[in-house]
N, C-alpha and C. Protein backbone atom coordinates (compact mmCIF):
# COMPACT_ATOMS: atom_id res chain seq x y z
N MET A 1 0.94 -1.11 -0.04
CA MET A 1 -0.04 0.02 -0.04
C MET A 1 0.88 1.30 -0.16
N ILE A 2 0.57 2.07 -0.97
CA ILE A 2 1.30 3.35 -1.08
C ILE A 2 1.14 4.32 0.40
N ASN A 3 2.43 4.87 0.80
CA ASN A 3 2.29 6.00 2.20
C ASN A 3 1.83 7.13 1.51
N ASN A 4 0.57 7.69 1.41
CA ASN A 4 0.39 8.84 1.08
C ASN A 4 1.26 9.82 1.67
N ASP A 5 1.54 9.62 2.94
CA ASP A 5 2.53 10.94 3.60
C ASP A 5 3.74 11.02 3.06
N LEU A 6 4.10 10.20 1.75
CA LEU A 6 5.47 10.45 1.54
C LEU A 6 5.30 11.66 0.41
N PHE A 7 4.16 11.78 -0.10
CA PHE A 7 3.83 12.77 -1.03
C PHE A 7 3.27 14.35 -0.41
N SER A 8 3.28 14.06 1.16
CA SER A 8 2.84 15.57 1.58
C SER A 8 4.34 16.38 1.38
N THR A 9 3.81 17.68 1.51
CA THR A 9 4.93 18.77 1.71
C THR A 9 4.37 19.56 2.78
N PRO A 10 4.97 20.68 3.12
CA PRO A 10 4.67 21.79 4.44
C PRO A 10 3.53 22.36 3.81
N ASP A 11 3.22 22.46 2.28
CA ASP A 11 2.24 23.05 2.00
C ASP A 11 0.69 22.18 1.50
N ARG A 12 1.35 20.99 1.16
CA ARG A 12 0.34 20.36 0.47
C ARG A 12 0.16 18.73 1.67
N LEU A 13 -0.70 18.76 2.28
CA LEU A 13 -0.66 17.97 3.52
C LEU A 13 -1.72 17.02 3.09
N PHE A 14 -1.31 15.35 3.27
CA PHE A 14 -2.28 14.53 3.12
C PHE A 14 -3.16 14.21 4.22
N ILE A 15 -4.56 14.26 3.87
CA ILE A 15 -5.68 14.09 5.04
C ILE A 15 -6.01 12.77 5.26
N GLU A 16 -6.82 12.33 3.98
CA GLU A 16 -7.42 11.12 3.85
C GLU A 16 -7.02 10.36 2.38
N GLN A 17 -7.56 9.20 1.72
CA GLN A 17 -7.30 8.91 0.34
C GLN A 17 -8.52 9.78 -0.34
N GLY A 18 -7.86 10.48 -1.20
CA GLY A 18 -8.46 11.59 -2.02
C GLY A 18 -8.61 13.09 -1.47
N SER A 19 -8.16 13.39 -0.45
CA SER A 19 -8.37 14.62 0.20
C SER A 19 -7.00 15.11 0.49
N TRP A 20 -6.92 16.39 0.35
CA TRP A 20 -5.37 17.09 0.70
C TRP A 20 -5.78 18.65 1.20
N LEU A 21 -5.13 19.09 2.23
CA LEU A 21 -5.08 20.33 2.66
C LEU A 21 -4.01 21.05 2.04
N PHE A 22 -4.15 22.28 1.34
CA PHE A 22 -3.00 23.13 0.74
C PHE A 22 -2.69 24.57 1.78
N LYS A 23 -2.04 24.18 2.60
CA LYS A 23 -1.95 25.68 3.56
C LYS A 23 -1.70 26.99 2.75
N GLY A 24 -2.34 27.91 3.25
CA GLY A 24 -2.30 29.32 2.56
C GLY A 24 -2.13 29.40 1.17
N TYR A 25 -2.90 28.30 0.58
CA TYR A 25 -3.30 28.48 -1.02
C TYR A 25 -3.43 29.77 -1.57
N VAL A 26 -4.72 30.18 -1.12
CA VAL A 26 -5.17 31.42 -1.47
C VAL A 26 -4.73 32.61 -0.66
N ALA A 27 -4.06 32.79 0.21
CA ALA A 27 -3.75 33.99 1.19
C ALA A 27 -3.37 35.04 0.37
N GLN A 28 -2.48 34.91 -0.85
CA GLN A 28 -2.04 35.99 -1.37
C GLN A 28 -3.10 36.72 -2.60
N SER A 29 -4.29 35.71 -2.55
CA SER A 29 -5.15 36.22 -3.67
C SER A 29 -6.20 36.64 -2.99
N THR A 30 -6.59 37.24 -1.85
CA THR A 30 -7.34 37.64 -0.75
C THR A 30 -7.71 39.30 -1.65
N THR A 31 -6.63 39.87 -2.22
CA THR A 31 -6.72 41.23 -2.26
C THR A 31 -7.74 41.61 -3.49
N TRP A 32 -8.25 40.25 -4.22
CA TRP A 32 -9.20 40.53 -5.20
C TRP A 32 -9.94 39.52 -5.03
N ILE A 33 -10.21 38.48 -4.16
CA ILE A 33 -11.46 37.55 -3.81
C ILE A 33 -12.11 38.13 -2.96
N LEU A 34 -11.81 39.06 -1.98
CA LEU A 34 -12.77 39.63 -0.94
C LEU A 34 -13.46 40.60 -1.51
N PRO A 35 -12.90 41.74 -2.32
CA PRO A 35 -13.95 42.78 -3.22
C PRO A 35 -14.71 41.67 -4.10
N ALA A 36 -14.54 41.07 -4.56
CA ALA A 36 -15.49 40.24 -5.85
C ALA A 36 -16.33 39.29 -4.93
N LEU A 37 -16.01 39.08 -3.61
CA LEU A 37 -17.12 38.28 -2.95
C LEU A 37 -18.00 39.41 -2.65
N ARG A 38 -17.65 40.43 -1.94
CA ARG A 38 -18.73 41.18 -1.53
C ARG A 38 -19.75 41.87 -2.58
N GLU A 39 -19.10 41.87 -3.91
CA GLU A 39 -19.88 42.30 -5.17
C GLU A 39 -21.24 41.05 -5.14
N VAL A 40 -20.73 39.74 -4.88
CA VAL A 40 -21.76 38.93 -4.90
C VAL A 40 -22.57 38.95 -4.09
N LEU A 41 -22.32 39.31 -2.68
CA LEU A 41 -23.37 39.54 -1.58
C LEU A 41 -23.99 40.56 -1.75
N ARG A 42 -23.69 41.85 -2.60
CA ARG A 42 -24.77 42.68 -2.53
C ARG A 42 -25.69 42.36 -3.50
N TYR A 43 -25.56 41.19 -4.36
CA TYR A 43 -26.68 41.00 -5.18
C TYR A 43 -27.43 39.98 -4.52
N SER A 44 -26.86 38.98 -3.64
CA SER A 44 -27.52 37.80 -2.74
C SER A 44 -26.98 37.67 -1.84
N PRO A 45 -27.67 38.67 -0.74
CA PRO A 45 -27.30 38.85 0.68
C PRO A 45 -27.05 37.26 1.19
N LEU A 46 -26.39 37.45 2.82
CA LEU A 46 -26.24 36.68 3.49
C LEU A 46 -27.57 36.29 4.08
N ARG A 47 -27.75 35.16 4.65
CA ARG A 47 -29.12 35.13 5.44
C ARG A 47 -28.90 33.80 5.98
N GLN A 48 -29.78 33.65 7.02
CA GLN A 48 -29.96 32.47 7.96
C GLN A 48 -31.21 31.41 7.48
N MET A 49 -30.75 30.48 6.94
CA MET A 49 -31.45 29.52 6.47
C MET A 49 -32.27 28.69 7.39
N GLN A 50 -33.29 28.60 7.07
CA GLN A 50 -34.10 27.46 7.94
C GLN A 50 -34.15 25.98 7.62
N VAL A 51 -34.23 25.27 8.64
CA VAL A 51 -33.84 23.69 8.07
C VAL A 51 -34.91 23.06 8.37
N PRO A 52 -35.33 21.57 7.90
CA PRO A 52 -36.43 21.22 7.87
C PRO A 52 -37.10 21.19 9.34
N GLY A 53 -36.33 20.79 10.15
CA GLY A 53 -36.73 20.75 11.61
C GLY A 53 -37.22 22.02 12.30
N GLY A 54 -37.29 23.36 11.45
CA GLY A 54 -37.81 24.35 11.85
C GLY A 54 -36.85 25.33 12.30
N HIS A 55 -35.79 25.33 12.97
CA HIS A 55 -34.77 26.10 13.64
C HIS A 55 -33.89 26.58 12.57
N ARG A 56 -33.12 27.85 12.69
CA ARG A 56 -32.29 28.22 11.80
C ARG A 56 -30.81 27.99 11.89
N MET A 57 -30.12 27.97 10.98
CA MET A 57 -28.84 27.69 11.02
C MET A 57 -28.09 28.62 11.87
N SER A 58 -26.96 28.43 12.33
CA SER A 58 -25.94 29.39 12.81
C SER A 58 -25.20 30.28 12.31
N VAL A 59 -25.06 29.38 11.05
CA VAL A 59 -24.14 30.37 9.75
C VAL A 59 -25.19 30.85 8.69
N ARG A 60 -24.79 32.15 8.49
CA ARG A 60 -25.30 33.00 7.44
C ARG A 60 -24.97 32.53 5.94
N THR A 61 -25.71 32.48 4.84
CA THR A 61 -25.34 31.65 3.59
C THR A 61 -25.82 32.31 2.74
N SER A 62 -25.24 32.24 1.59
CA SER A 62 -25.34 32.49 0.10
C SER A 62 -24.72 31.89 -1.02
N SER A 63 -25.10 32.14 -2.26
CA SER A 63 -24.60 31.13 -3.14
C SER A 63 -24.01 32.00 -4.36
N CYS A 64 -23.47 31.33 -5.19
CA CYS A 64 -23.09 31.91 -6.46
C CYS A 64 -22.85 30.60 -7.35
N GLY A 65 -23.15 30.85 -8.72
CA GLY A 65 -23.22 30.16 -9.43
C GLY A 65 -24.42 29.86 -10.57
N SER A 66 -24.51 28.78 -11.11
CA SER A 66 -25.60 28.16 -11.71
C SER A 66 -26.90 27.97 -10.73
N LEU A 67 -26.15 27.17 -9.95
CA LEU A 67 -27.13 26.34 -9.05
C LEU A 67 -26.73 26.79 -7.48
N GLY A 68 -27.88 27.03 -6.59
CA GLY A 68 -27.38 27.63 -5.39
C GLY A 68 -28.06 26.64 -4.20
N TRP A 69 -27.23 26.13 -3.23
CA TRP A 69 -27.86 25.03 -2.31
C TRP A 69 -28.83 26.46 -1.18
N ILE A 70 -29.76 25.44 -0.87
CA ILE A 70 -31.10 26.06 -0.17
C ILE A 70 -31.39 25.10 0.86
N SER A 71 -31.92 25.72 1.76
CA SER A 71 -32.80 24.71 2.77
C SER A 71 -34.10 25.72 3.45
N ASP A 72 -35.11 24.85 3.49
CA ASP A 72 -36.33 25.46 3.97
C ASP A 72 -36.88 24.32 4.74
N LEU A 73 -37.90 24.36 5.17
CA LEU A 73 -38.90 23.54 5.75
C LEU A 73 -39.26 21.95 5.00
N SER A 74 -39.35 22.42 3.60
CA SER A 74 -39.39 21.27 2.53
C SER A 74 -38.33 20.50 2.21
N GLY A 75 -36.79 20.95 2.73
CA GLY A 75 -35.82 20.08 2.41
C GLY A 75 -34.28 20.82 2.26
N TYR A 76 -33.41 20.07 1.82
CA TYR A 76 -32.17 20.64 1.71
C TYR A 76 -32.14 20.16 -0.21
N ARG A 77 -31.99 21.18 -0.85
CA ARG A 77 -31.41 20.83 -2.51
C ARG A 77 -31.16 22.11 -2.89
N TYR A 78 -30.96 21.96 -4.39
CA TYR A 78 -30.27 23.27 -5.17
C TYR A 78 -31.29 23.73 -6.23
N SER A 79 -31.14 25.33 -6.25
CA SER A 79 -32.08 25.70 -6.97
C SER A 79 -31.41 27.01 -7.78
N ASP A 80 -31.81 26.93 -9.04
CA ASP A 80 -31.36 28.04 -9.96
C ASP A 80 -31.76 29.65 -9.57
N ILE A 81 -32.43 29.46 -8.70
CA ILE A 81 -33.30 30.66 -8.37
C ILE A 81 -33.05 31.01 -6.86
N ASP A 82 -32.88 32.37 -6.45
CA ASP A 82 -32.60 32.76 -5.07
C ASP A 82 -33.91 32.96 -4.66
N PRO A 83 -34.15 32.14 -3.41
CA PRO A 83 -35.49 32.24 -2.88
C PRO A 83 -35.73 34.06 -2.44
N MET A 84 -34.39 34.65 -1.89
CA MET A 84 -34.68 35.86 -1.13
C MET A 84 -34.66 36.86 -2.25
N THR A 85 -33.99 36.88 -3.36
CA THR A 85 -34.47 37.92 -4.44
C THR A 85 -35.49 37.54 -5.55
N GLY A 86 -35.45 36.37 -5.34
CA GLY A 86 -36.49 35.84 -6.88
C GLY A 86 -35.69 36.11 -8.07
N ARG A 87 -34.32 36.20 -8.09
CA ARG A 87 -33.25 36.34 -9.54
C ARG A 87 -32.57 35.33 -9.21
N PRO A 88 -32.04 34.89 -10.61
CA PRO A 88 -30.90 33.66 -10.43
C PRO A 88 -29.59 34.21 -9.69
N TRP A 89 -28.95 33.34 -9.15
CA TRP A 89 -27.70 33.62 -8.42
C TRP A 89 -26.78 34.24 -9.04
N PRO A 90 -26.22 35.27 -8.65
CA PRO A 90 -24.87 35.77 -9.31
C PRO A 90 -23.96 34.88 -9.95
N GLU A 91 -23.45 35.25 -10.92
CA GLU A 91 -22.22 34.26 -11.32
C GLU A 91 -21.17 34.10 -10.67
N ILE A 92 -20.34 32.93 -10.64
CA ILE A 92 -19.15 32.67 -9.93
C ILE A 92 -17.91 33.50 -10.74
N PRO A 93 -17.30 34.31 -10.02
CA PRO A 93 -16.10 35.16 -10.92
C PRO A 93 -15.28 34.65 -11.50
N ALA A 94 -14.84 34.88 -12.57
CA ALA A 94 -14.32 33.95 -13.40
C ALA A 94 -12.68 33.46 -12.98
N ALA A 95 -12.05 34.64 -12.40
CA ALA A 95 -11.03 34.38 -12.14
C ALA A 95 -10.80 33.28 -10.90
N LEU A 96 -11.98 33.27 -10.03
CA LEU A 96 -12.10 32.38 -8.71
C LEU A 96 -12.31 31.21 -9.63
N LEU A 97 -13.08 30.77 -10.38
CA LEU A 97 -12.96 29.53 -11.27
C LEU A 97 -12.00 29.01 -11.78
N ASP A 98 -11.33 29.88 -12.20
CA ASP A 98 -9.97 29.45 -12.58
C ASP A 98 -8.95 28.98 -11.45
N LEU A 99 -8.75 29.81 -10.48
CA LEU A 99 -8.16 29.49 -9.00
C LEU A 99 -8.62 28.09 -8.78
N VAL A 100 -9.95 27.91 -8.38
CA VAL A 100 -10.43 26.54 -8.11
C VAL A 100 -10.21 25.63 -9.10
N SER A 101 -10.27 25.86 -10.19
CA SER A 101 -10.00 24.63 -11.08
C SER A 101 -8.32 24.18 -10.87
N THR A 102 -7.77 25.18 -10.98
CA THR A 102 -6.01 24.74 -10.73
C THR A 102 -6.04 24.11 -9.44
N GLY A 103 -6.46 24.84 -8.32
CA GLY A 103 -6.23 23.88 -6.89
C GLY A 103 -6.69 22.77 -7.05
N ALA A 104 -7.89 22.29 -7.69
CA ALA A 104 -8.36 21.04 -7.80
C ALA A 104 -7.47 20.10 -8.79
N ALA A 105 -6.71 20.31 -9.58
CA ALA A 105 -6.01 19.94 -10.36
C ALA A 105 -4.56 19.57 -9.52
N ALA A 106 -4.28 20.55 -8.76
CA ALA A 106 -3.28 20.17 -7.70
C ALA A 106 -3.25 19.13 -6.91
N ALA A 107 -4.80 18.88 -6.46
CA ALA A 107 -4.99 17.64 -5.63
C ALA A 107 -5.47 16.59 -6.55
N ASP A 108 -4.94 16.40 -7.69
CA ASP A 108 -5.07 15.37 -8.68
C ASP A 108 -6.70 15.27 -9.33
N TYR A 109 -7.17 16.22 -9.20
CA TYR A 109 -8.70 16.36 -10.09
C TYR A 109 -8.70 17.50 -10.87
N PRO A 110 -8.22 16.91 -12.14
CA PRO A 110 -8.06 17.58 -13.43
C PRO A 110 -9.64 18.11 -13.90
N GLY A 111 -9.89 19.09 -14.52
CA GLY A 111 -10.67 19.34 -15.17
C GLY A 111 -12.08 19.86 -14.53
N PHE A 112 -11.90 19.95 -13.07
CA PHE A 112 -12.77 20.52 -12.17
C PHE A 112 -13.40 21.49 -12.58
N ILE A 113 -14.91 21.86 -13.04
CA ILE A 113 -15.31 23.15 -13.19
C ILE A 113 -16.73 23.21 -12.39
N PRO A 114 -16.79 23.96 -11.32
CA PRO A 114 -18.01 23.90 -10.13
C PRO A 114 -19.12 24.72 -10.98
N ASP A 115 -20.44 24.25 -10.59
CA ASP A 115 -21.55 25.12 -10.92
C ASP A 115 -22.38 25.75 -9.66
N SER A 116 -21.51 25.71 -8.51
CA SER A 116 -22.03 26.11 -7.55
C SER A 116 -21.10 26.36 -6.59
N CYS A 117 -21.23 27.77 -5.87
CA CYS A 117 -20.33 27.92 -4.62
C CYS A 117 -21.06 28.47 -3.61
N LEU A 118 -21.27 27.71 -2.10
CA LEU A 118 -21.66 27.99 -1.09
C LEU A 118 -20.95 28.95 -0.40
N ILE A 119 -21.51 30.01 -0.03
CA ILE A 119 -20.63 31.02 0.84
C ILE A 119 -21.31 30.82 2.45
N ASN A 120 -20.56 30.71 3.50
CA ASN A 120 -20.99 30.50 4.69
C ASN A 120 -19.95 31.48 5.72
N CYS A 121 -21.04 32.40 6.30
CA CYS A 121 -20.38 33.29 7.26
C CYS A 121 -20.59 32.75 8.70
N TYR A 122 -19.47 32.57 9.41
CA TYR A 122 -19.53 32.18 10.78
C TYR A 122 -19.05 33.37 11.79
N ARG A 123 -20.08 33.52 12.51
CA ARG A 123 -19.57 34.34 13.66
C ARG A 123 -19.11 33.69 14.84
N PRO A 124 -18.36 34.20 16.03
CA PRO A 124 -18.20 33.37 17.02
C PRO A 124 -19.08 32.57 17.62
N GLY A 125 -19.15 30.95 17.99
CA GLY A 125 -20.15 30.37 18.15
C GLY A 125 -20.88 29.64 16.95
N ALA A 126 -20.96 30.17 15.92
CA ALA A 126 -21.44 29.44 15.03
C ALA A 126 -20.80 28.15 14.43
N LYS A 127 -21.62 27.07 13.95
CA LYS A 127 -20.79 25.80 13.79
C LYS A 127 -21.45 25.14 12.74
N MET A 128 -20.81 23.77 12.60
CA MET A 128 -21.33 22.79 11.46
C MET A 128 -21.51 21.76 11.79
N GLY A 129 -22.89 20.74 12.25
CA GLY A 129 -22.74 19.78 12.63
C GLY A 129 -22.02 18.68 11.61
N LEU A 130 -21.81 17.37 11.93
CA LEU A 130 -21.35 16.28 10.92
C LEU A 130 -22.32 16.30 9.95
N HIS A 131 -22.16 15.95 8.70
CA HIS A 131 -23.23 15.61 7.67
C HIS A 131 -22.09 15.21 6.39
N GLN A 132 -23.28 14.84 5.70
CA GLN A 132 -22.41 14.27 3.97
C GLN A 132 -23.20 15.37 3.10
N ASP A 133 -22.23 15.53 2.16
CA ASP A 133 -22.60 16.33 0.99
C ASP A 133 -23.41 15.45 0.12
N LYS A 134 -24.77 15.53 -0.02
CA LYS A 134 -25.32 14.74 -0.81
C LYS A 134 -26.44 14.83 -1.58
N ASP A 135 -26.37 16.52 -1.84
CA ASP A 135 -27.90 16.80 -2.43
C ASP A 135 -27.43 17.03 -4.15
N GLU A 136 -25.93 17.07 -4.31
CA GLU A 136 -25.31 16.81 -5.39
C GLU A 136 -25.89 15.70 -6.62
N GLN A 137 -26.23 16.14 -7.86
CA GLN A 137 -26.34 14.93 -8.45
C GLN A 137 -25.22 13.99 -9.10
N ASP A 138 -24.24 15.08 -9.26
CA ASP A 138 -22.86 14.55 -9.70
C ASP A 138 -22.03 14.60 -8.55
N ARG A 139 -21.67 13.20 -8.04
CA ARG A 139 -20.95 12.82 -6.85
C ARG A 139 -19.43 12.81 -7.35
N SER A 140 -19.08 12.77 -8.56
CA SER A 140 -18.03 12.09 -9.09
C SER A 140 -17.26 13.40 -9.08
N ALA A 141 -17.48 14.46 -8.89
CA ALA A 141 -16.37 15.65 -8.85
C ALA A 141 -16.22 16.01 -7.36
N PRO A 142 -15.14 16.54 -6.95
CA PRO A 142 -14.62 16.79 -6.05
C PRO A 142 -15.30 17.99 -5.02
N ILE A 143 -14.92 18.27 -3.87
CA ILE A 143 -15.23 19.69 -3.29
C ILE A 143 -14.27 20.22 -3.09
N VAL A 144 -14.11 21.45 -3.26
CA VAL A 144 -12.87 22.28 -2.83
C VAL A 144 -13.44 23.47 -1.97
N SER A 145 -12.84 23.74 -0.90
CA SER A 145 -13.11 24.67 0.09
C SER A 145 -12.01 25.52 0.31
N LEU A 146 -12.92 27.21 0.57
CA LEU A 146 -11.50 28.07 0.64
C LEU A 146 -11.86 28.65 1.99
N SER A 147 -10.90 29.07 2.79
CA SER A 147 -11.55 29.60 4.01
C SER A 147 -10.45 31.06 4.33
N PHE A 148 -11.51 31.85 5.05
CA PHE A 148 -10.93 33.26 4.93
C PHE A 148 -11.15 33.67 6.44
N GLY A 149 -10.49 34.41 6.98
CA GLY A 149 -10.67 34.93 8.41
C GLY A 149 -10.12 34.33 9.75
N LEU A 150 -10.99 34.19 10.73
CA LEU A 150 -10.47 33.36 11.79
C LEU A 150 -10.44 32.07 11.28
N PRO A 151 -9.55 31.28 12.27
CA PRO A 151 -9.45 29.99 12.20
C PRO A 151 -10.39 29.15 12.98
N VAL A 152 -10.87 27.67 12.34
CA VAL A 152 -11.75 26.78 13.02
C VAL A 152 -10.97 25.70 13.01
N THR A 153 -11.69 24.71 13.85
CA THR A 153 -11.57 23.39 13.79
C THR A 153 -12.29 22.68 12.77
N PHE A 154 -11.87 22.04 12.13
CA PHE A 154 -12.60 21.14 11.03
C PHE A 154 -12.68 19.86 11.51
N MET A 155 -13.61 19.24 11.16
CA MET A 155 -13.87 17.63 11.66
C MET A 155 -13.91 16.89 10.37
N PHE A 156 -13.28 15.85 10.20
CA PHE A 156 -13.26 15.13 8.88
C PHE A 156 -13.72 13.45 9.64
N GLY A 157 -14.47 13.02 9.12
CA GLY A 157 -14.85 11.60 9.51
C GLY A 157 -14.84 10.49 8.67
N GLY A 158 -15.48 9.67 8.84
CA GLY A 158 -15.63 8.34 7.91
C GLY A 158 -17.10 8.43 7.02
N LEU A 159 -17.26 7.21 6.29
CA LEU A 159 -18.32 7.20 5.71
C LEU A 159 -19.73 6.85 6.67
N ASN A 160 -19.37 6.59 7.72
CA ASN A 160 -20.35 6.29 8.86
C ASN A 160 -20.62 7.52 9.86
N ARG A 161 -21.50 7.89 10.20
CA ARG A 161 -21.34 8.80 11.23
C ARG A 161 -20.90 8.60 12.52
N LYS A 162 -20.63 7.22 12.71
CA LYS A 162 -20.02 7.18 13.97
C LYS A 162 -18.49 6.39 13.98
N ASP A 163 -18.13 6.91 12.80
CA ASP A 163 -16.61 6.48 12.56
C ASP A 163 -15.71 7.54 13.26
N PRO A 164 -14.66 7.40 13.20
CA PRO A 164 -13.55 8.24 14.24
C PRO A 164 -13.45 9.61 13.16
N VAL A 165 -13.06 10.32 13.93
CA VAL A 165 -13.13 12.04 13.37
C VAL A 165 -11.81 12.54 13.47
N LYS A 166 -11.21 12.96 12.42
CA LYS A 166 -10.03 13.79 12.27
C LYS A 166 -10.47 15.32 12.94
N ARG A 167 -9.53 15.87 13.79
CA ARG A 167 -9.79 17.23 13.86
C ARG A 167 -8.35 18.07 13.32
N PHE A 168 -8.51 19.21 12.74
CA PHE A 168 -7.44 19.94 12.41
C PHE A 168 -8.17 21.50 12.02
N PRO A 169 -7.15 22.42 11.91
CA PRO A 169 -7.33 23.74 11.82
C PRO A 169 -7.46 24.27 10.51
N LEU A 170 -8.31 25.01 10.30
CA LEU A 170 -8.34 25.30 8.89
C LEU A 170 -8.12 26.95 9.13
N GLU A 171 -7.10 27.35 8.49
CA GLU A 171 -6.66 28.88 8.57
C GLU A 171 -6.74 29.82 7.44
N HIS A 172 -6.87 31.11 7.65
CA HIS A 172 -6.78 32.09 6.64
C HIS A 172 -6.15 32.01 5.03
N GLY A 173 -6.66 31.52 4.20
CA GLY A 173 -6.04 31.24 2.95
C GLY A 173 -5.96 29.74 2.67
N ASP A 174 -6.30 28.98 3.54
CA ASP A 174 -6.01 27.49 2.91
C ASP A 174 -7.07 26.75 2.21
N MET A 175 -6.62 25.96 1.62
CA MET A 175 -7.88 25.40 0.62
C MET A 175 -7.63 23.77 0.75
N LEU A 176 -9.06 23.19 1.16
CA LEU A 176 -9.19 21.74 1.24
C LEU A 176 -10.03 21.06 0.03
N VAL A 177 -9.27 19.91 -0.34
CA VAL A 177 -9.84 19.60 -1.36
C VAL A 177 -10.05 17.97 -0.99
N TRP A 178 -11.45 17.51 -1.40
CA TRP A 178 -11.92 16.05 -1.14
C TRP A 178 -12.93 15.73 -2.19
N GLY A 179 -12.21 14.27 -2.46
CA GLY A 179 -13.45 13.48 -3.51
C GLY A 179 -13.03 12.25 -3.42
N GLY A 180 -13.16 11.44 -4.59
CA GLY A 180 -12.90 10.10 -4.67
C GLY A 180 -13.38 9.00 -3.61
N ALA A 181 -12.57 8.60 -2.65
CA ALA A 181 -12.82 7.54 -1.75
C ALA A 181 -13.38 8.55 -0.70
N SER A 182 -13.13 9.61 -0.68
CA SER A 182 -13.37 10.57 0.48
C SER A 182 -14.63 11.48 0.15
N ARG A 183 -15.23 11.29 -0.84
CA ARG A 183 -16.19 12.07 -1.43
C ARG A 183 -17.34 12.22 -0.44
N MET A 184 -18.00 11.03 -0.01
CA MET A 184 -19.07 11.19 1.04
C MET A 184 -18.76 10.92 2.53
N VAL A 185 -17.54 11.36 2.80
CA VAL A 185 -17.10 11.33 4.36
C VAL A 185 -18.02 12.33 5.19
N TYR A 186 -18.25 12.36 6.35
CA TYR A 186 -19.02 13.20 7.29
C TYR A 186 -18.12 14.00 7.50
N HIS A 187 -18.46 15.44 7.83
CA HIS A 187 -17.51 16.48 8.20
C HIS A 187 -18.63 17.47 8.69
N GLY A 188 -17.64 18.32 9.22
CA GLY A 188 -18.32 19.58 10.04
C GLY A 188 -17.42 20.77 10.49
N VAL A 189 -17.98 21.46 11.25
CA VAL A 189 -16.95 22.59 11.75
C VAL A 189 -17.36 22.64 13.11
N ALA A 190 -16.44 22.89 14.21
CA ALA A 190 -16.51 22.97 15.66
C ALA A 190 -16.97 24.67 15.85
N PRO A 191 -17.59 24.84 16.66
CA PRO A 191 -17.66 26.29 17.10
C PRO A 191 -16.71 27.18 17.01
N LEU A 192 -17.11 28.09 16.26
CA LEU A 192 -15.94 29.29 15.88
C LEU A 192 -15.77 29.91 17.22
N ALA A 193 -14.30 30.13 17.83
CA ALA A 193 -13.87 30.94 18.74
C ALA A 193 -13.64 32.17 18.55
N GLN A 194 -13.84 32.94 19.73
CA GLN A 194 -13.70 34.24 19.45
C GLN A 194 -12.34 34.57 19.13
N GLY A 195 -12.21 35.92 18.24
CA GLY A 195 -11.26 36.35 18.00
C GLY A 195 -11.13 37.42 16.92
N GLU A 196 -10.13 37.72 16.65
CA GLU A 196 -10.49 39.31 15.82
C GLU A 196 -9.04 38.89 14.61
N HIS A 197 -9.58 38.89 13.06
CA HIS A 197 -8.99 38.94 12.09
C HIS A 197 -8.41 39.98 11.74
N PRO A 198 -7.16 40.57 11.11
CA PRO A 198 -6.87 41.83 10.61
C PRO A 198 -7.65 42.16 9.27
N GLU A 199 -8.17 41.16 8.57
CA GLU A 199 -8.63 41.57 7.39
C GLU A 199 -10.21 41.56 7.40
N LEU A 200 -10.66 40.60 8.33
CA LEU A 200 -11.99 40.32 8.40
C LEU A 200 -12.82 40.87 9.66
N GLY A 201 -12.09 40.67 10.56
CA GLY A 201 -12.44 41.10 11.84
C GLY A 201 -12.94 39.91 12.59
N ALA A 202 -14.18 39.81 13.50
CA ALA A 202 -14.66 38.81 14.12
C ALA A 202 -15.56 37.61 13.36
N LEU A 203 -14.82 37.31 12.29
CA LEU A 203 -15.83 36.29 11.63
C LEU A 203 -14.87 35.08 10.53
N ARG A 204 -15.24 34.30 10.09
CA ARG A 204 -14.45 33.43 9.15
C ARG A 204 -15.84 33.34 7.72
N LEU A 205 -15.05 33.55 6.59
CA LEU A 205 -15.84 33.08 5.60
C LEU A 205 -15.39 31.87 4.82
N ASN A 206 -16.43 30.97 4.45
CA ASN A 206 -16.03 29.69 3.75
C ASN A 206 -16.72 29.48 2.53
N LEU A 207 -15.82 29.48 1.42
CA LEU A 207 -16.51 29.18 0.07
C LEU A 207 -16.20 27.72 -0.18
N THR A 208 -17.27 27.14 -0.53
CA THR A 208 -17.38 25.78 -0.94
C THR A 208 -18.01 25.64 -2.49
N PHE A 209 -16.92 25.13 -3.08
CA PHE A 209 -17.29 24.68 -4.56
C PHE A 209 -17.80 23.08 -5.12
N ARG A 210 -18.83 23.23 -5.66
CA ARG A 210 -19.14 21.89 -5.95
C ARG A 210 -19.68 21.77 -7.37
N ARG A 211 -20.10 20.57 -7.74
CA ARG A 211 -20.49 20.80 -9.13
C ARG A 211 -21.47 19.64 -9.05
N ALA A 212 -22.93 20.62 -8.69
CA ALA A 212 -24.05 19.97 -8.30
C ALA A 212 -24.87 19.34 -9.63
N GLY A 213 -24.64 19.69 -10.67
CA GLY A 213 -24.93 18.81 -11.93
C GLY A 213 -26.58 18.91 -11.77
N GLY A 214 -26.81 18.34 -13.31
CA GLY A 214 -28.62 18.41 -13.31
C GLY A 214 -29.11 19.84 -13.56
N ASP A 215 -30.62 19.60 -13.60
CA ASP A 215 -31.34 20.66 -13.73
C ASP A 215 -31.63 21.04 -12.17
N ALA A 216 -31.67 22.36 -12.04
CA ALA A 216 -32.28 22.74 -10.69
C ALA A 216 -33.85 22.37 -10.31
N HIS A 217 -33.98 22.12 -9.12
CA HIS A 217 -35.19 21.45 -8.53
C HIS A 217 -35.83 22.46 -7.70
N GLN A 218 -36.82 23.02 -7.50
CA GLN A 218 -37.19 23.73 -6.28
C GLN A 218 -38.42 22.92 -5.55
């Protein structure tokens, strides 16, 4: 069996089969990523979505791309229309698409072109419980996650909810990529600790790129 740790470098860390963490991969790109993101959020603002159980998520979310992830009392799904604005979601900025595609290729997933970017905004205390990403019709594509702002503890489990969970920090500018054998692992985010980031203040922004595939369903 190949020991994938042998392929790790200080900037490219092996997590599990099919998953890699790139430390600081986009840290130097925030000068254009963050302004582009603000423009997206002017068009489709952040909001606290309701889950099928009735309560509101602790994170605020929005999306860009041809499909956006939404949640309400009817369930979790992708839609081509932002339910808050009644308009299509804004496009993913072209430069960001190129950056993410290049990053996925560095993790051995060439040709990745996402059609959805979920934007999560965490304030101190906000969290994301263990879950699988299973609303996508195309599960052959990887997931690419970019982190900005305050550091957070990421939880990376197995294919069953009760499997052991790895915990590791995600910091400003980090890129996490997972797919293949790791595509359906349970994962989540521990409560965000208090802090102040020099660029973003007391929050963490997370951009997660997926290829949802198929037609939007509402």
